[in-house]
Amino acid sequence: MTVDISREPDAHRYVLRRGGAIVSVLEYADQGVGTAFTSTVTVPSERGRGYADRLVTFAVDDVEARGAGPVRPSCWYVAEWFDRHPERAGLLAH
């Protein structure tokens, strides 16, 4: 099945779809200078397959490409993602 990831700016979220169905969502808030990642949710039956990791990677890459950093991870999953990816710590708010 095809996996698609996109940013939905009107809804302030990133969405991962598999076969057209929403599997994982990362909500964010623009903060003028910086972006807060506020919540990451994956459909319970789809957990453990790496979807949230792929979604956060996409979102971090997007924030970096748009110059919308730094990132403020108020979501525990995003904070742990940055712990697992110390090479991306330059995008974190201090």
Protein backbone atom coordinates (compact mmCIF):
# COMPACT_ATOMS: atom_id res chain seq x y z
CA MET A 1 0.00 0.00 0.00
CA THR A 2 1.13 3.50 -0.77
CA VAL A 3 2.23 5.77 2.09
CA ASP A 4 1.85 9.51 1.56
CA ILE A 5 2.94 12.26 3.96
CA SER A 6 1.83 15.86 3.64
CA ARG A 7 1.57 19.12 5.53
CA GLU A 8 -1.93 20.55 5.89
CA PRO A 9 -1.23 24.17 6.86
CA ASP A 10 -4.90 25.16 7.24
CA ALA A 11 -5.34 22.40 9.85
CA HIS A 12 -1.88 22.99 11.42
CA ARG A 13 -0.91 19.36 11.03
CA TYR A 14 1.18 16.84 9.17
CA VAL A 15 -0.59 13.66 8.08
CA LEU A 16 0.65 10.22 7.09
CA ARG A 17 -1.83 8.25 5.01
CA ARG A 18 -1.55 4.63 3.99
CA GLY A 19 -3.78 3.60 1.13
CA GLY A 20 -5.61 6.92 1.52
CA ALA A 21 -6.53 6.35 5.17
CA ILE A 22 -5.07 8.54 7.92
CA VAL A 23 -2.67 6.51 10.03
CA SER A 24 -0.68 9.14 11.94
CA VAL A 25 -1.05 12.88 12.67
CA LEU A 26 1.42 15.44 14.03
CA GLU A 27 -0.17 18.70 15.13
CA TYR A 28 1.87 21.89 15.25
CA ALA A 29 1.56 25.57 16.10
CA ASP A 30 3.34 28.36 14.27
CA GLN A 31 4.89 30.64 16.86
CA GLY A 32 6.12 33.47 14.66
CA VAL A 33 9.72 32.54 15.29
CA GLY A 34 9.67 28.78 15.54
CA THR A 35 7.25 25.90 15.40
CA ALA A 36 5.87 23.91 18.33
CA PHE A 37 5.10 20.26 17.70
CA THR A 38 2.22 19.73 20.09
CA SER A 39 0.82 16.23 19.55
CA THR A 40 1.62 13.04 17.66
CA VAL A 41 -1.00 10.32 17.36
CA THR A 42 -0.99 7.03 15.48
CA VAL A 43 -4.03 4.80 15.05
CA PRO A 44 -3.59 2.12 17.74
CA SER A 45 -3.78 -0.82 15.31
CA GLU A 46 -0.98 0.76 13.23
CA ARG A 47 1.48 1.45 16.06
CA GLY A 48 4.91 -0.16 16.08
CA ARG A 49 5.40 0.11 12.31
CA GLY A 50 7.53 3.26 12.28
CA TYR A 51 4.83 5.58 10.94
CA ALA A 52 5.23 8.22 13.65
CA ASP A 53 9.01 8.21 13.11
CA ARG A 54 8.55 8.76 9.37
CA LEU A 55 6.02 11.52 10.03
CA VAL A 56 8.24 13.39 12.49
CA THR A 57 11.23 13.06 10.15
CA PHE A 58 9.15 14.57 7.33
CA ALA A 59 7.92 17.40 9.58
CA VAL A 60 11.40 18.25 10.87
CA ASP A 61 12.75 18.25 7.31
CA ASP A 62 9.88 20.49 6.22
CA VAL A 63 10.38 22.99 9.06
CA GLU A 64 14.08 23.14 8.24
CA ALA A 65 13.46 23.59 4.48
CA ARG A 66 10.91 26.37 5.08
CA GLY A 67 13.11 28.14 7.60
CA ALA A 68 10.30 27.81 10.16
CA GLY A 69 12.52 26.74 13.08
CA PRO A 70 13.49 26.40 15.75
CA VAL A 71 11.38 23.44 16.84
CA ARG A 72 9.81 23.35 20.28
CA PRO A 73 8.79 19.75 21.05
CA SER A 74 5.93 19.91 23.55
CA CYS A 75 4.95 16.39 22.49
CA TRP A 76 6.81 13.58 24.31
CA TYR A 77 7.20 11.55 21.12
CA VAL A 78 8.90 14.42 19.27
CA ALA A 79 11.18 15.07 22.25
CA GLU A 80 12.21 11.40 22.23
CA TRP A 81 12.70 11.55 18.44
CA PHE A 82 15.23 14.36 18.93
CA ASP A 83 16.95 12.28 21.64
CA ARG A 84 17.34 9.48 19.06
CA HIS A 85 18.55 11.95 16.40
CA PRO A 86 21.15 14.18 18.11
CA GLU A 87 22.44 15.24 14.69
CA ARG A 88 19.22 17.27 14.31
CA ALA A 89 19.56 19.06 17.69
CA GLY A 90 20.58 22.26 15.89
CA LEU A 91 16.88 22.75 15.04
CA LEU A 92 15.78 22.72 18.68
CA ALA A 93 14.83 25.89 20.53
CA HIS A 94 17.19 26.67 23.38
